[in-house]
PDB file of all heavy atoms in Angstrom:
ATOM      1  N   LYS A   1       6.543  -7.878  -4.162  1.00  0.00           N
ATOM      2  CA  LYS A   1       6.067  -9.114  -3.568  1.00  0.00           C
ATOM      3  C   LYS A   1       5.818 -10.125  -4.648  1.00  0.00           C
ATOM      4  O   LYS A   1       5.064  -9.879  -5.661  1.00  0.00           O
ATOM      5  CB  LYS A   1       4.754  -8.868  -2.747  1.00  0.00           C
ATOM      6  CG  LYS A   1       4.963  -7.950  -1.647  1.00  0.00           C
ATOM      7  CD  LYS A   1       3.687  -7.741  -0.783  1.00  0.00           C
ATOM      8  CE  LYS A   1       3.798  -6.818   0.303  1.00  0.00           C
ATOM      9  NZ  LYS A   1       4.797  -7.167   1.302  1.00  0.00           N
ATOM     10  N   TYR A   2       6.396 -11.315  -4.492  1.00  0.00           N
ATOM     11  CA  TYR A   2       6.133 -12.464  -5.368  1.00  0.00           C
ATOM     12  C   TYR A   2       5.448 -13.526  -4.565  1.00  0.00           C
ATOM     13  O   TYR A   2       6.062 -14.055  -3.691  1.00  0.00           O
ATOM     14  CB  TYR A   2       7.453 -12.851  -6.012  1.00  0.00           C
ATOM     15  CG  TYR A   2       8.149 -11.754  -6.768  1.00  0.00           C
ATOM     16  CD1 TYR A   2       9.124 -10.974  -6.146  1.00  0.00           C
ATOM     17  CD2 TYR A   2       7.904 -11.636  -8.040  1.00  0.00           C
ATOM     18  CE1 TYR A   2       9.728  -9.932  -6.814  1.00  0.00           C
ATOM     19  CE2 TYR A   2       8.472 -10.521  -8.815  1.00  0.00           C
ATOM     20  CZ  TYR A   2       9.448  -9.798  -8.146  1.00  0.00           C
ATOM     21  OH  TYR A   2      10.023  -8.737  -8.841  1.00  0.00           O
ATOM     22  N   ILE A   3       4.266 -13.928  -4.970  1.00  0.00           N
ATOM     23  CA  ILE A   3       3.433 -14.909  -4.249  1.00  0.00           C
ATOM     24  C   ILE A   3       3.004 -15.850  -4.998  1.00  0.00           C
ATOM     25  O   ILE A   3       2.447 -15.743  -6.172  1.00  0.00           O
ATOM     26  CB  ILE A   3       2.181 -14.113  -3.607  1.00  0.00           C
ATOM     27  CG1 ILE A   3       2.688 -12.936  -2.673  1.00  0.00           C
ATOM     28  CG2 ILE A   3       1.368 -15.043  -2.830  1.00  0.00           C
ATOM     29  CD1 ILE A   3       1.573 -11.907  -2.305  1.00  0.00           C
ATOM     30  N   ASN A   4       3.279 -17.181  -4.564  1.00  0.00           N
ATOM     31  CA  ASN A   4       2.760 -18.318  -5.312  1.00  0.00           C
ATOM     32  C   ASN A   4       1.739 -18.976  -4.356  1.00  0.00           C
ATOM     33  O   ASN A   4       1.837 -19.077  -3.231  1.00  0.00           O
ATOM     34  CB  ASN A   4       3.818 -19.420  -5.416  1.00  0.00           C
ATOM     35  CG  ASN A   4       4.917 -19.021  -6.430  1.00  0.00           C
ATOM     36  OD1 ASN A   4       4.535 -18.552  -7.500  1.00  0.00           O
ATOM     37  ND2 ASN A   4       6.140 -19.240  -6.077  1.00  0.00           N
ATOM     38  N   THR A   5       0.492 -19.225  -5.013  1.00  0.00           N
ATOM     39  CA  THR A   5      -0.677 -19.690  -4.321  1.00  0.00           C
ATOM     40  C   THR A   5      -1.534 -20.644  -5.077  1.00  0.00           C
ATOM     41  O   THR A   5      -1.544 -20.370  -6.384  1.00  0.00           O
ATOM     42  CB  THR A   5      -1.415 -18.442  -3.730  1.00  0.00           C
ATOM     43  OG1 THR A   5      -2.583 -18.984  -3.003  1.00  0.00           O
ATOM     44  CG2 THR A   5      -1.871 -17.545  -4.802  1.00  0.00           C
ATOM     45  N   SER A   6      -2.204 -21.532  -4.513  1.00  0.00           N
ATOM     46  CA  SER A   6      -3.192 -22.432  -5.282  1.00  0.00           C
ATOM     47  C   SER A   6      -4.493 -21.635  -5.354  1.00  0.00           C
ATOM     48  O   SER A   6      -5.228 -21.994  -6.314  1.00  0.00           O
ATOM     49  CB  SER A   6      -3.321 -23.762  -4.584  1.00  0.00           C
ATOM     50  OG  SER A   6      -3.867 -23.533  -3.311  1.00  0.00           O
ATOM     51  N   ALA A   7      -4.723 -20.615  -4.563  1.00  0.00           N
ATOM     52  CA  ALA A   7      -6.007 -19.896  -4.657  1.00  0.00           C
ATOM     53  C   ALA A   7      -5.958 -18.905  -5.854  1.00  0.00           C
ATOM     54  O   ALA A   7      -4.968 -18.278  -6.094  1.00  0.00           O
ATOM     55  CB  ALA A   7      -6.233 -19.126  -3.385  1.00  0.00           C
ATOM     56  N   ILE A   8      -7.050 -18.843  -6.577  1.00  0.00           N
ATOM     57  CA  ILE A   8      -7.126 -17.962  -7.711  1.00  0.00           C
ATOM     58  C   ILE A   8      -7.120 -16.528  -7.268  1.00  0.00           C
ATOM     59  O   ILE A   8      -6.522 -15.657  -8.037  1.00  0.00           O
ATOM     60  CB  ILE A   8      -8.419 -18.181  -8.513  1.00  0.00           C
ATOM     61  CG1 ILE A   8      -8.360 -19.576  -9.128  1.00  0.00           C
ATOM     62  CG2 ILE A   8      -8.633 -17.186  -9.622  1.00  0.00           C
ATOM     63  CD1 ILE A   8      -9.563 -20.094  -9.838  1.00  0.00           C
ATOM     64  N   GLU A   9      -7.489 -16.169  -6.064  1.00  0.00           N
ATOM     65  CA  GLU A   9      -7.471 -14.884  -5.563  1.00  0.00           C
ATOM     66  C   GLU A   9      -6.760 -14.987  -4.177  1.00  0.00           C
ATOM     67  O   GLU A   9      -6.947 -15.904  -3.492  1.00  0.00           O
ATOM     68  CB  GLU A   9      -8.779 -14.197  -5.423  1.00  0.00           C
ATOM     69  CG  GLU A   9      -9.507 -13.915  -6.694  1.00  0.00           C
ATOM     70  CD  GLU A   9     -10.852 -13.268  -6.511  1.00  0.00           C
ATOM     71  OE1 GLU A   9     -11.434 -13.473  -5.415  1.00  0.00           O
ATOM     72  OE2 GLU A   9     -11.229 -12.455  -7.363  1.00  0.00           O
ATOM     73  N   ASN A  10      -6.079 -13.874  -3.830  1.00  0.00           N
ATOM     74  CA  ASN A  10      -5.323 -13.875  -2.566  1.00  0.00           C
ATOM     75  C   ASN A  10      -5.293 -12.508  -1.935  1.00  0.00           C
ATOM     76  O   ASN A  10      -5.020 -11.537  -2.623  1.00  0.00           O
ATOM     77  CB  ASN A  10      -3.856 -14.336  -2.798  1.00  0.00           C
ATOM     78  CG  ASN A  10      -3.214 -14.857  -1.596  1.00  0.00           C
ATOM     79  OD1 ASN A  10      -3.831 -15.223  -0.633  1.00  0.00           O
ATOM     80  ND2 ASN A  10      -1.890 -14.627  -1.580  1.00  0.00           N
ATOM     81  N   LEU A  11      -5.540 -12.398  -0.686  1.00  0.00           N
ATOM     82  CA  LEU A  11      -5.540 -11.148   0.081  1.00  0.00           C
ATOM     83  C   LEU A  11      -4.033 -10.757   0.337  1.00  0.00           C
ATOM     84  O   LEU A  11      -3.309 -11.552   0.936  1.00  0.00           O
ATOM     85  CB  LEU A  11      -6.325 -11.287   1.372  1.00  0.00           C
ATOM     86  CG  LEU A  11      -6.261  -9.923   2.202  1.00  0.00           C
ATOM     87  CD1 LEU A  11      -6.908  -8.777   1.631  1.00  0.00           C
ATOM     88  CD2 LEU A  11      -6.861 -10.224   3.682  1.00  0.00           C
ATOM     89  N   VAL A  12      -3.611  -9.687  -0.181  1.00  0.00           N
ATOM     90  CA  VAL A  12      -2.278  -9.252   0.041  1.00  0.00           C
ATOM     91  C   VAL A  12      -2.227  -7.873   0.846  1.00  0.00           C
ATOM     92  O   VAL A  12      -3.040  -6.992   0.627  1.00  0.00           O
ATOM     93  CB  VAL A  12      -1.575  -8.928  -1.327  1.00  0.00           C
ATOM     94  CG1 VAL A  12      -0.141  -8.474  -1.075  1.00  0.00           C
ATOM     95  CG2 VAL A  12      -1.610 -10.237  -2.153  1.00  0.00           C
ATOM     96  N   LYS A  13      -1.451  -7.898   1.854  1.00  0.00           N
ATOM     97  CA  LYS A  13      -1.388  -6.763   2.798  1.00  0.00           C
ATOM     98  C   LYS A  13       0.071  -6.128   2.643  1.00  0.00           C
ATOM     99  O   LYS A  13       1.054  -6.852   2.380  1.00  0.00           O
ATOM    100  CB  LYS A  13      -1.590  -7.105   4.266  1.00  0.00           C
ATOM    101  CG  LYS A  13      -3.011  -7.623   4.474  1.00  0.00           C
ATOM    102  CD  LYS A  13      -3.171  -7.965   5.909  1.00  0.00           C
ATOM    103  CE  LYS A  13      -4.622  -8.554   6.161  1.00  0.00           C
ATOM    104  NZ  LYS A  13      -4.854  -8.870   7.546  1.00  0.00           N
ATOM    105  N   TRP A  14       0.199  -4.838   2.821  1.00  0.00           N
ATOM    106  CA  TRP A  14       1.525  -4.238   2.832  1.00  0.00           C
ATOM    107  C   TRP A  14       1.452  -2.934   3.790  1.00  0.00           C
ATOM    108  O   TRP A  14       0.482  -2.581   4.212  1.00  0.00           O
ATOM    109  CB  TRP A  14       1.816  -3.729   1.375  1.00  0.00           C
ATOM    110  CG  TRP A  14       0.844  -2.773   0.810  1.00  0.00           C
ATOM    111  CD1 TRP A  14       0.873  -1.359   0.915  1.00  0.00           C
ATOM    112  CD2 TRP A  14      -0.347  -3.109   0.028  1.00  0.00           C
ATOM    113  NE1 TRP A  14      -0.274  -0.777   0.262  1.00  0.00           N
ATOM    114  CE2 TRP A  14      -0.990  -1.878  -0.293  1.00  0.00           C
ATOM    115  CE3 TRP A  14      -0.872  -4.261  -0.443  1.00  0.00           C
ATOM    116  CZ2 TRP A  14      -2.115  -1.859  -1.105  1.00  0.00           C
ATOM    117  CZ3 TRP A  14      -2.066  -4.240  -1.197  1.00  0.00           C
ATOM    118  CH2 TRP A  14      -2.700  -3.062  -1.493  1.00  0.00           C
ATOM    119  N   GLN A  15       2.659  -2.500   3.991  1.00  0.00           N
ATOM    120  CA  GLN A  15       2.833  -1.465   4.991  1.00  0.00           C
ATOM    121  C   GLN A  15       2.686  -0.180   4.195  1.00  0.00           C
ATOM    122  O   GLN A  15       3.212   0.030   3.104  1.00  0.00           O
ATOM    123  CB  GLN A  15       4.223  -1.430   5.639  1.00  0.00           C
ATOM    124  CG  GLN A  15       4.393  -0.523   6.805  1.00  0.00           C
ATOM    125  CD  GLN A  15       5.671  -0.812   7.593  1.00  0.00           C
ATOM    126  OE1 GLN A  15       6.455  -1.572   7.205  1.00  0.00           O
ATOM    127  NE2 GLN A  15       5.750  -0.153   8.740  1.00  0.00           N
ATOM    128  N   ILE A  16       1.975   0.800   4.760  1.00  0.00           N
ATOM    129  CA  ILE A  16       1.712   2.086   4.164  1.00  0.00           C
ATOM    130  C   ILE A  16       3.037   2.907   4.363  1.00  0.00           C
ATOM    131  O   ILE A  16       3.490   3.002   5.499  1.00  0.00           O
ATOM    132  CB  ILE A  16       0.496   2.747   4.727  1.00  0.00           C
ATOM    133  CG1 ILE A  16      -0.760   2.081   4.354  1.00  0.00           C
ATOM    134  CG2 ILE A  16       0.389   4.245   4.165  1.00  0.00           C
ATOM    135  CD1 ILE A  16      -2.064   2.694   4.921  1.00  0.00           C
ATOM    136  N   PRO A  17       3.576   3.498   3.338  1.00  0.00           N
ATOM    137  CA  PRO A  17       4.776   4.252   3.530  1.00  0.00           C
ATOM    138  C   PRO A  17       4.446   5.639   4.165  1.00  0.00           C
ATOM    139  O   PRO A  17       3.345   6.075   4.159  1.00  0.00           O
ATOM    140  CB  PRO A  17       5.320   4.533   2.093  1.00  0.00           C
ATOM    141  CG  PRO A  17       4.126   4.396   1.251  1.00  0.00           C
ATOM    142  CD  PRO A  17       3.192   3.413   1.894  1.00  0.00           C
ATOM    143  N   THR A  18       5.388   6.132   4.924  1.00  0.00           N
ATOM    144  CA  THR A  18       5.208   7.416   5.562  1.00  0.00           C
ATOM    145  C   THR A  18       6.153   8.473   4.882  1.00  0.00           C
ATOM    146  O   THR A  18       7.357   8.256   4.511  1.00  0.00           O
ATOM    147  CB  THR A  18       5.567   7.361   7.046  1.00  0.00           C
ATOM    148  OG1 THR A  18       6.929   6.890   7.210  1.00  0.00           O
ATOM    149  CG2 THR A  18       4.582   6.453   7.799  1.00  0.00           C
ATOM    150  N   PHE A  19       5.524   9.651   4.593  1.00  0.00           N
ATOM    151  CA  PHE A  19       6.171  10.768   3.996  1.00  0.00           C
ATOM    152  C   PHE A  19       6.294  11.915   4.932  1.00  0.00           C
ATOM    153  O   PHE A  19       5.201  12.273   5.544  1.00  0.00           O
ATOM    154  CB  PHE A  19       5.486  11.119   2.693  1.00  0.00           C
ATOM    155  CG  PHE A  19       5.404  10.060   1.724  1.00  0.00           C
ATOM    156  CD1 PHE A  19       4.298   9.293   1.585  1.00  0.00           C
ATOM    157  CD2 PHE A  19       6.323   9.935   0.753  1.00  0.00           C
ATOM    158  CE1 PHE A  19       4.206   8.225   0.679  1.00  0.00           C
ATOM    159  CE2 PHE A  19       6.270   9.018  -0.303  1.00  0.00           C
ATOM    160  CZ  PHE A  19       5.207   8.216  -0.262  1.00  0.00           C
ATOM    161  N   THR A  20       7.419  12.515   5.033  1.00  0.00           N
ATOM    162  CA  THR A  20       7.521  13.687   5.940  1.00  0.00           C
ATOM    163  C   THR A  20       8.355  14.739   5.218  1.00  0.00           C
ATOM    164  O   THR A  20       9.176  14.493   4.328  1.00  0.00           O
ATOM    165  CB  THR A  20       8.230  13.441   7.255  1.00  0.00           C
ATOM    166  OG1 THR A  20       9.490  12.776   6.960  1.00  0.00           O
ATOM    167  CG2 THR A  20       7.322  12.503   8.133  1.00  0.00           C
ATOM    168  N   ASP A  21       7.980  16.062   5.495  1.00  0.00           N
ATOM    169  CA  ASP A  21       8.762  17.086   4.936  1.00  0.00           C
ATOM    170  C   ASP A  21       9.675  17.655   5.960  1.00  0.00           C
ATOM    171  O   ASP A  21       9.234  17.906   7.127  1.00  0.00           O
ATOM    172  CB  ASP A  21       7.805  18.262   4.443  1.00  0.00           C
ATOM    173  CG  ASP A  21       8.598  19.407   3.898  1.00  0.00           C
ATOM    174  OD1 ASP A  21       9.171  19.217   2.813  1.00  0.00           O
ATOM    175  OD2 ASP A  21       8.648  20.513   4.604  1.00  0.00           O
ATOM    176  N   PRO A  22      11.053  17.821   5.776  1.00  0.00           N
ATOM    177  CA  PRO A  22      11.875  18.270   6.745  1.00  0.00           C
ATOM    178  C   PRO A  22      11.536  19.623   7.365  1.00  0.00           C
ATOM    179  O   PRO A  22      12.043  19.984   8.472  1.00  0.00           O
ATOM    180  CB  PRO A  22      13.247  18.263   6.041  1.00  0.00           C
ATOM    181  CG  PRO A  22      13.057  18.198   4.552  1.00  0.00           C
ATOM    182  CD  PRO A  22      11.669  17.613   4.399  1.00  0.00           C
ATOM    183  N   HIS A  23      10.825  20.440   6.498  1.00  0.00           N
ATOM    184  CA  HIS A  23      10.450  21.795   7.040  1.00  0.00           C
ATOM    185  C   HIS A  23       8.960  21.855   7.559  1.00  0.00           C
ATOM    186  O   HIS A  23       8.419  22.965   7.764  1.00  0.00           O
ATOM    187  CB  HIS A  23      10.647  22.780   5.930  1.00  0.00           C
ATOM    188  CG  HIS A  23      12.077  22.826   5.429  1.00  0.00           C
ATOM    189  ND1 HIS A  23      13.057  23.276   6.136  1.00  0.00           N
ATOM    190  CD2 HIS A  23      12.511  22.394   4.221  1.00  0.00           C
ATOM    191  CE1 HIS A  23      14.225  23.169   5.450  1.00  0.00           C
ATOM    192  NE2 HIS A  23      13.885  22.638   4.285  1.00  0.00           N
ATOM    193  N   ASN A  24       8.309  20.672   7.672  1.00  0.00           N
ATOM    194  CA  ASN A  24       7.023  20.529   8.171  1.00  0.00           C
ATOM    195  C   ASN A  24       5.968  21.105   7.381  1.00  0.00           C
ATOM    196  O   ASN A  24       4.912  21.626   7.856  1.00  0.00           O
ATOM    197  CB  ASN A  24       6.892  20.931   9.725  1.00  0.00           C
ATOM    198  CG  ASN A  24       7.688  20.121  10.659  1.00  0.00           C
ATOM    199  OD1 ASN A  24       7.744  18.841  10.425  1.00  0.00           O
ATOM    200  ND2 ASN A  24       8.390  20.687  11.540  1.00  0.00           N
ATOM    201  N   PHE A  25       6.162  21.259   6.098  1.00  0.00           N
ATOM    202  CA  PHE A  25       5.217  21.788   5.138  1.00  0.00           C
ATOM    203  C   PHE A  25       4.135  20.647   4.887  1.00  0.00           C
ATOM    204  O   PHE A  25       4.492  19.504   5.028  1.00  0.00           O
ATOM    205  CB  PHE A  25       5.816  22.245   3.814  1.00  0.00           C
ATOM    206  CG  PHE A  25       6.498  23.566   3.859  1.00  0.00           C
ATOM    207  CD1 PHE A  25       7.857  23.551   3.921  1.00  0.00           C
ATOM    208  CD2 PHE A  25       5.736  24.701   3.918  1.00  0.00           C
ATOM    209  CE1 PHE A  25       8.540  24.875   3.946  1.00  0.00           C
ATOM    210  CE2 PHE A  25       6.380  25.931   3.952  1.00  0.00           C
ATOM    211  CZ  PHE A  25       7.841  26.102   4.003  1.00  0.00           C
ATOM    212  N   ALA A  26       3.027  21.044   4.519  1.00  0.00           N
ATOM    213  CA  ALA A  26       1.883  20.081   4.210  1.00  0.00           C
ATOM    214  C   ALA A  26       2.312  19.204   3.069  1.00  0.00           C
ATOM    215  O   ALA A  26       2.894  19.678   2.067  1.00  0.00           O
ATOM    216  CB  ALA A  26       0.531  20.785   3.971  1.00  0.00           C
ATOM    217  N   ILE A  27       1.896  18.012   3.125  1.00  0.00           N
ATOM    218  CA  ILE A  27       2.163  16.978   2.046  1.00  0.00           C
ATOM    219  C   ILE A  27       0.794  16.355   1.645  1.00  0.00           C
ATOM    220  O   ILE A  27       0.039  15.927   2.532  1.00  0.00           O
ATOM    221  CB  ILE A  27       3.132  15.917   2.507  1.00  0.00           C
ATOM    222  CG1 ILE A  27       4.496  16.526   2.804  1.00  0.00           C
ATOM    223  CG2 ILE A  27       3.296  14.778   1.392  1.00  0.00           C
ATOM    224  CD1 ILE A  27       5.461  15.535   3.429  1.00  0.00           C
ATOM    225  N   LYS A  28       0.610  16.199   0.399  1.00  0.00           N
ATOM    226  CA  LYS A  28      -0.546  15.479  -0.024  1.00  0.00           C
ATOM    227  C   LYS A  28      -0.198  14.170  -0.643  1.00  0.00           C
ATOM    228  O   LYS A  28       0.623  14.142  -1.528  1.00  0.00           O
ATOM    229  CB  LYS A  28      -1.377  16.308  -1.138  1.00  0.00           C
ATOM    230  CG  LYS A  28      -2.602  15.647  -1.628  1.00  0.00           C
ATOM    231  CD  LYS A  28      -3.373  16.452  -2.591  1.00  0.00           C
ATOM    232  CE  LYS A  28      -4.568  15.640  -2.967  1.00  0.00           C
ATOM    233  NZ  LYS A  28      -5.368  16.178  -3.993  1.00  0.00           N
ATOM    234  N   VAL A  29      -0.735  13.072  -0.132  1.00  0.00           N
ATOM    235  CA  VAL A  29      -0.398  11.709  -0.588  1.00  0.00           C
ATOM    236  C   VAL A  29      -1.606  11.110  -1.315  1.00  0.00           C
ATOM    237  O   VAL A  29      -2.685  11.151  -0.971  1.00  0.00           O
ATOM    238  CB  VAL A  29      -0.041  10.779   0.612  1.00  0.00           C
ATOM    239  CG1 VAL A  29       0.323   9.433   0.120  1.00  0.00           C
ATOM    240  CG2 VAL A  29       1.066  11.397   1.505  1.00  0.00           C
ATOM    241  N   THR A  30      -1.232  10.614  -2.555  1.00  0.00           N
ATOM    242  CA  THR A  30      -2.242   9.937  -3.366  1.00  0.00           C
ATOM    243  C   THR A  30      -1.806   8.471  -3.567  1.00  0.00           C
ATOM    244  O   THR A  30      -0.597   8.200  -3.614  1.00  0.00           O
ATOM    245  CB  THR A  30      -2.462  10.614  -4.675  1.00  0.00           C
ATOM    246  OG1 THR A  30      -1.258  10.639  -5.377  1.00  0.00           O
ATOM    247  CG2 THR A  30      -3.114  11.907  -4.582  1.00  0.00           C
ATOM    248  N   THR A  31      -2.773   7.590  -3.801  1.00  0.00           N
ATOM    249  CA  THR A  31      -2.503   6.116  -3.983  1.00  0.00           C
ATOM    250  C   THR A  31      -3.504   5.577  -4.984  1.00  0.00           C
ATOM    251  O   THR A  31      -4.569   6.062  -5.106  1.00  0.00           O
ATOM    252  CB  THR A  31      -2.382   5.390  -2.717  1.00  0.00           C
ATOM    253  OG1 THR A  31      -2.068   4.034  -2.931  1.00  0.00           O
ATOM    254  CG2 THR A  31      -3.759   5.372  -1.935  1.00  0.00           C
ATOM    255  N   ASN A  32      -3.055   4.451  -5.589  1.00  0.00           N
ATOM    256  CA  ASN A  32      -4.017   3.815  -6.540  1.00  0.00           C
ATOM    257  C   ASN A  32      -4.817   2.710  -5.738  1.00  0.00           C
ATOM    258  O   ASN A  32      -5.728   2.055  -6.340  1.00  0.00           O
ATOM    259  CB  ASN A  32      -3.361   3.225  -7.710  1.00  0.00           C
ATOM    260  CG  ASN A  32      -2.243   2.228  -7.392  1.00  0.00           C
ATOM    261  OD1 ASN A  32      -1.732   2.172  -6.273  1.00  0.00           O
ATOM    262  ND2 ASN A  32      -1.898   1.471  -8.384  1.00  0.00           N
ATOM    263  N   TYR A  33      -4.540   2.502  -4.429  1.00  0.00           N
ATOM    264  CA  TYR A  33      -5.302   1.579  -3.653  1.00  0.00           C
ATOM    265  C   TYR A  33      -5.603   2.201  -2.342  1.00  0.00           C
ATOM    266  O   TYR A  33      -4.774   2.660  -1.651  1.00  0.00           O
ATOM    267  CB  TYR A  33      -4.530   0.198  -3.290  1.00  0.00           C
ATOM    268  CG  TYR A  33      -4.373  -0.656  -4.536  1.00  0.00           C
ATOM    269  CD1 TYR A  33      -3.277  -0.524  -5.441  1.00  0.00           C
ATOM    270  CD2 TYR A  33      -5.425  -1.516  -4.899  1.00  0.00           C
ATOM    271  CE1 TYR A  33      -3.162  -1.332  -6.551  1.00  0.00           C
ATOM    272  CE2 TYR A  33      -5.337  -2.241  -6.009  1.00  0.00           C
ATOM    273  CZ  TYR A  33      -4.226  -2.183  -6.836  1.00  0.00           C
ATOM    274  OH  TYR A  33      -4.117  -2.976  -7.990  1.00  0.00           O
ATOM    275  N   PRO A  34      -6.892   2.421  -2.043  1.00  0.00           N
ATOM    276  CA  PRO A  34      -7.335   3.200  -0.897  1.00  0.00           C
ATOM    277  C   PRO A  34      -6.889   2.560   0.420  1.00  0.00           C
ATOM    278  O   PRO A  34      -7.040   3.303   1.472  1.00  0.00           O
ATOM    279  CB  PRO A  34      -8.831   3.309  -1.033  1.00  0.00           C
ATOM    280  CG  PRO A  34      -9.223   2.265  -1.901  1.00  0.00           C
ATOM    281  CD  PRO A  34      -8.060   1.901  -2.862  1.00  0.00           C
ATOM    282  N   SER A  35      -6.722   1.258   0.522  1.00  0.00           N
ATOM    283  CA  SER A  35      -6.355   0.527   1.695  1.00  0.00           C
ATOM    284  C   SER A  35      -5.009  -0.082   1.507  1.00  0.00           C
ATOM    285  O   SER A  35      -4.547  -0.166   0.362  1.00  0.00           O
ATOM    286  CB  SER A  35      -7.460  -0.497   2.017  1.00  0.00           C
ATOM    287  OG  SER A  35      -7.131  -1.235   3.110  1.00  0.00           O
ATOM    288  N   ASN A  36      -4.449  -0.548   2.543  1.00  0.00           N
ATOM    289  CA  ASN A  36      -3.140  -1.284   2.464  1.00  0.00           C
ATOM    290  C   ASN A  36      -3.335  -2.774   2.404  1.00  0.00           C
ATOM    291  O   ASN A  36      -2.429  -3.557   2.664  1.00  0.00           O
ATOM    292  CB  ASN A  36      -2.235  -0.922   3.675  1.00  0.00           C
ATOM    293  CG  ASN A  36      -2.753  -1.402   5.024  1.00  0.00           C
ATOM    294  OD1 ASN A  36      -3.926  -1.495   5.200  1.00  0.00           O
ATOM    295  ND2 ASN A  36      -1.888  -1.880   5.848  1.00  0.00           N
ATOM    296  N   GLU A  37      -4.479  -3.133   1.854  1.00  0.00           N
ATOM    297  CA  GLU A  37      -4.781  -4.576   1.578  1.00  0.00           C
ATOM    298  C   GLU A  37      -5.693  -4.731   0.367  1.00  0.00           C
ATOM    299  O   GLU A  37      -6.534  -3.807   0.264  1.00  0.00           O
ATOM    300  CB  GLU A  37      -5.280  -5.349   2.762  1.00  0.00           C
ATOM    301  CG  GLU A  37      -6.589  -4.914   3.303  1.00  0.00           C
ATOM    302  CD  GLU A  37      -7.030  -5.658   4.580  1.00  0.00           C
ATOM    303  OE1 GLU A  37      -6.127  -5.922   5.401  1.00  0.00           O
ATOM    304  OE2 GLU A  37      -8.219  -5.941   4.655  1.00  0.00           O
ATOM    305  N   PHE A  38      -5.626  -5.790  -0.368  1.00  0.00           N
ATOM    306  CA  PHE A  38      -6.466  -5.876  -1.428  1.00  0.00           C
ATOM    307  C   PHE A  38      -6.458  -7.371  -1.867  1.00  0.00           C
ATOM    308  O   PHE A  38      -5.460  -8.063  -1.734  1.00  0.00           O
ATOM    309  CB  PHE A  38      -6.001  -4.975  -2.742  1.00  0.00           C
ATOM    310  CG  PHE A  38      -7.008  -4.940  -3.745  1.00  0.00           C
ATOM    311  CD1 PHE A  38      -8.109  -4.095  -3.766  1.00  0.00           C
ATOM    312  CD2 PHE A  38      -6.922  -5.727  -4.962  1.00  0.00           C
ATOM    313  CE1 PHE A  38      -9.071  -3.974  -4.743  1.00  0.00           C
ATOM    314  CE2 PHE A  38      -7.836  -5.695  -5.964  1.00  0.00           C
ATOM    315  CZ  PHE A  38      -8.928  -4.835  -5.864  1.00  0.00           C
ATOM    316  N   THR A  39      -7.587  -7.842  -2.452  1.00  0.00           N
ATOM    317  CA  THR A  39      -7.663  -9.231  -2.823  1.00  0.00           C
ATOM    318  C   THR A  39      -7.419  -9.207  -4.374  1.00  0.00           C
ATOM    319  O   THR A  39      -8.220  -8.739  -5.139  1.00  0.00           O
ATOM    320  CB  THR A  39      -9.033  -9.928  -2.535  1.00  0.00           C
ATOM    321  OG1 THR A  39      -9.212  -9.794  -1.163  1.00  0.00           O
ATOM    322  CG2 THR A  39      -9.069 -11.320  -3.058  1.00  0.00           C
ATOM    323  N   PHE A  40      -6.210  -9.713  -4.716  1.00  0.00           N
ATOM    324  CA  PHE A  40      -5.760  -9.721  -6.061  1.00  0.00           C
ATOM    325  C   PHE A  40      -5.901 -11.137  -6.708  1.00  0.00           C
ATOM    326  O   PHE A  40      -5.699 -12.145  -6.075  1.00  0.00           O
ATOM    327  CB  PHE A  40      -4.196  -9.490  -6.196  1.00  0.00           C
ATOM    328  CG  PHE A  40      -3.848  -8.058  -5.759  1.00  0.00           C
ATOM    329  CD1 PHE A  40      -3.464  -7.763  -4.476  1.00  0.00           C
ATOM    330  CD2 PHE A  40      -3.889  -7.018  -6.688  1.00  0.00           C
ATOM    331  CE1 PHE A  40      -3.021  -6.525  -4.082  1.00  0.00           C
ATOM    332  CE2 PHE A  40      -3.585  -5.717  -6.298  1.00  0.00           C
ATOM    333  CZ  PHE A  40      -3.135  -5.446  -4.983  1.00  0.00           C
TER     334      PHE A  40
END
């Protein structure tokens, strides 16, 4: 995402990716942002 804005901070939202295992084994997902939005 490339965003031009006059505001020094901007709320950015994104779609959370979905991960699936073809054999239905458990998957553990980690991320560096706990929500799918953040004020950058």
